[in-house]
Protein backbone atom coordinates (compact mmCIF):
# COMPACT_ATOMS: atom_id res chain seq x y z
CA MET A 1 2.41 -47.50 8.80
CA PRO A 2 -0.81 -46.31 7.10
CA MET A 3 -0.50 -44.32 3.89
CA PRO A 4 -1.50 -40.64 4.10
CA LYS A 5 -4.81 -39.82 2.53
CA CYS A 6 -4.75 -37.58 -0.51
CA ILE A 7 -7.24 -34.82 -1.03
CA PRO A 8 -9.11 -35.34 -4.28
CA PRO A 9 -8.60 -32.54 -6.85
CA SER A 10 -12.31 -31.69 -6.76
CA ARG A 11 -11.97 -30.77 -3.06
CA ILE A 12 -8.87 -28.68 -3.66
CA LEU A 13 -10.67 -26.67 -6.34
CA PHE A 14 -13.62 -26.27 -3.98
CA LEU A 15 -11.39 -24.98 -1.14
CA LEU A 16 -9.23 -22.68 -3.29
CA PRO A 17 -11.77 -19.80 -3.43
CA LEU A 18 -12.05 -19.95 0.37
CA LEU A 19 -8.28 -19.60 0.76
CA VAL A 20 -8.13 -16.74 -1.72
CA SER A 21 -11.06 -14.90 -0.16
CA CYS A 22 -9.53 -15.21 3.32
CA THR A 23 -6.26 -13.76 2.08
CA ILE A 24 -7.98 -10.88 0.34
CA ALA A 25 -10.27 -10.18 3.30
CA SER A 26 -7.35 -9.96 5.70
CA THR A 27 -5.50 -7.36 3.60
CA PRO A 28 -6.16 -3.88 4.99
CA GLU A 29 -7.96 -1.86 2.34
CA SER A 30 -7.60 1.54 3.98
CA VAL A 31 -3.82 1.64 4.41
CA ALA A 32 -2.44 4.78 2.79
CA PRO A 33 0.98 6.39 2.94
CA ALA A 34 1.69 9.14 5.42
CA VAL A 35 4.49 11.41 4.22
CA PHE A 36 6.99 12.57 6.82
CA HIS A 37 9.51 15.27 5.97
CA VAL A 38 11.86 17.46 7.97
CA LYS A 39 14.59 19.89 7.03
CA ALA A 40 17.91 18.82 8.57
CA PRO A 41 20.66 19.62 6.05
CA GLN A 42 23.57 18.88 8.42
CA ALA A 43 22.21 15.54 9.65
CA GLN A 44 23.86 12.24 8.80
CA ARG A 45 20.72 10.22 9.64
CA VAL A 46 17.09 11.02 10.41
CA SER A 47 14.37 8.58 11.44
CA VAL A 48 10.76 8.86 12.50
CA VAL A 49 9.61 7.21 15.71
CA GLY A 50 6.15 7.00 17.20
CA THR A 51 3.22 4.98 18.38
CA PHE A 52 3.16 3.21 14.99
CA ASN A 53 6.62 1.61 15.49
CA GLY A 54 7.10 1.35 19.26
CA TRP A 55 9.31 4.46 19.28
CA ASP A 56 12.11 2.47 17.63
CA PRO A 57 14.76 4.79 16.08
CA GLU A 58 15.96 1.98 13.79
CA ALA A 59 12.55 1.09 12.35
CA HIS A 60 11.91 3.90 9.85
CA PRO A 61 14.87 5.92 8.57
CA LEU A 62 14.05 8.82 6.27
CA HIS A 63 15.65 9.20 2.82
CA GLY A 64 17.81 12.20 2.08
CA PRO A 65 18.77 14.82 2.34
CA ASP A 66 17.66 16.25 -0.99
CA LYS A 67 19.32 19.36 -2.47
CA ASN A 68 17.32 21.53 -0.04
CA GLY A 69 18.34 19.52 3.04
CA VAL A 70 14.94 17.82 3.38
CA TRP A 71 14.62 14.21 4.52
CA THR A 72 11.47 12.28 3.49
CA LEU A 73 9.68 9.00 4.14
CA ARG A 74 6.41 7.61 2.76
CA LEU A 75 5.09 5.17 5.36
CA PRO A 76 1.92 3.08 4.86
CA LEU A 77 -0.34 3.53 7.90
CA SER A 78 -3.90 2.58 8.73
CA PRO A 79 -6.24 5.46 9.52
CA GLY A 80 -5.87 6.72 13.05
CA GLN A 81 -4.19 9.13 15.42
CA TYR A 82 -0.45 8.72 15.96
CA ARG A 83 2.11 10.47 18.16
CA TYR A 84 5.59 10.81 16.67
CA MET A 85 8.95 12.59 16.67
CA PHE A 86 12.06 12.71 14.51
CA VAL A 87 15.40 11.38 15.75
CA VAL A 88 18.38 13.21 14.25
CA ASP A 89 21.74 11.42 14.21
CA GLY A 90 20.47 8.94 16.79
CA VAL A 91 20.58 11.40 19.69
CA ARG A 92 18.41 14.46 19.13
CA TRP A 93 14.65 13.88 19.39
CA ILE A 94 12.62 16.72 17.87
CA ALA A 95 8.94 17.37 17.31
CA ASP A 96 7.84 17.91 13.72
CA PRO A 97 7.90 21.70 13.20
CA ASN A 98 5.20 21.27 10.51
CA ALA A 99 2.78 19.19 12.62
CA MET A 100 -0.82 20.34 12.88
CA ALA A 101 -1.10 19.28 16.54
CA PHE A 102 1.10 18.49 19.54
CA GLN A 103 0.68 16.57 22.79
CA ASN A 104 2.63 16.62 26.05
CA ASP A 105 5.16 13.76 25.96
CA GLY A 106 5.27 13.27 29.74
CA PHE A 107 8.96 14.25 29.89
CA GLY A 108 8.63 18.03 29.70
CA GLY A 109 8.52 18.12 25.90
CA ARG A 110 5.93 17.52 23.25
CA ASN A 111 5.13 14.93 20.61
CA SER A 112 3.80 15.72 17.19
CA VAL A 113 0.34 14.31 16.48
CA LEU A 114 -0.73 12.92 13.11
CA PHE A 115 -4.42 12.47 12.27
CA HIS A 116 -4.12 10.08 9.33
CA GLY A 117 -6.81 9.14 6.85
CA ARG A 118 -9.69 11.01 8.39
């Protein structure tokens, strides 16, 4: 069986900047946190669902409640427009009462709309 060829150290040092630059270039520079908060003092669990997580109630639970009954989550998102809702205790889906915009959800209700990073 032939022996594997080794890469000379001079080639590794030559290729290293390429690997580093590819890693840096693929990191999104414009990702910034969106802050979600909702007052639900009696809730046992609150999560945010939307176009950014496939409407998955398990993906992004909020932290809380604080002493005022407010649940909060800082979620890194790329700039864009997102539709979302809160899920309270796994069963009650509610629009964000503090949202700046809303859109028909296609089921007789409405989704909150977030314009992030614009």
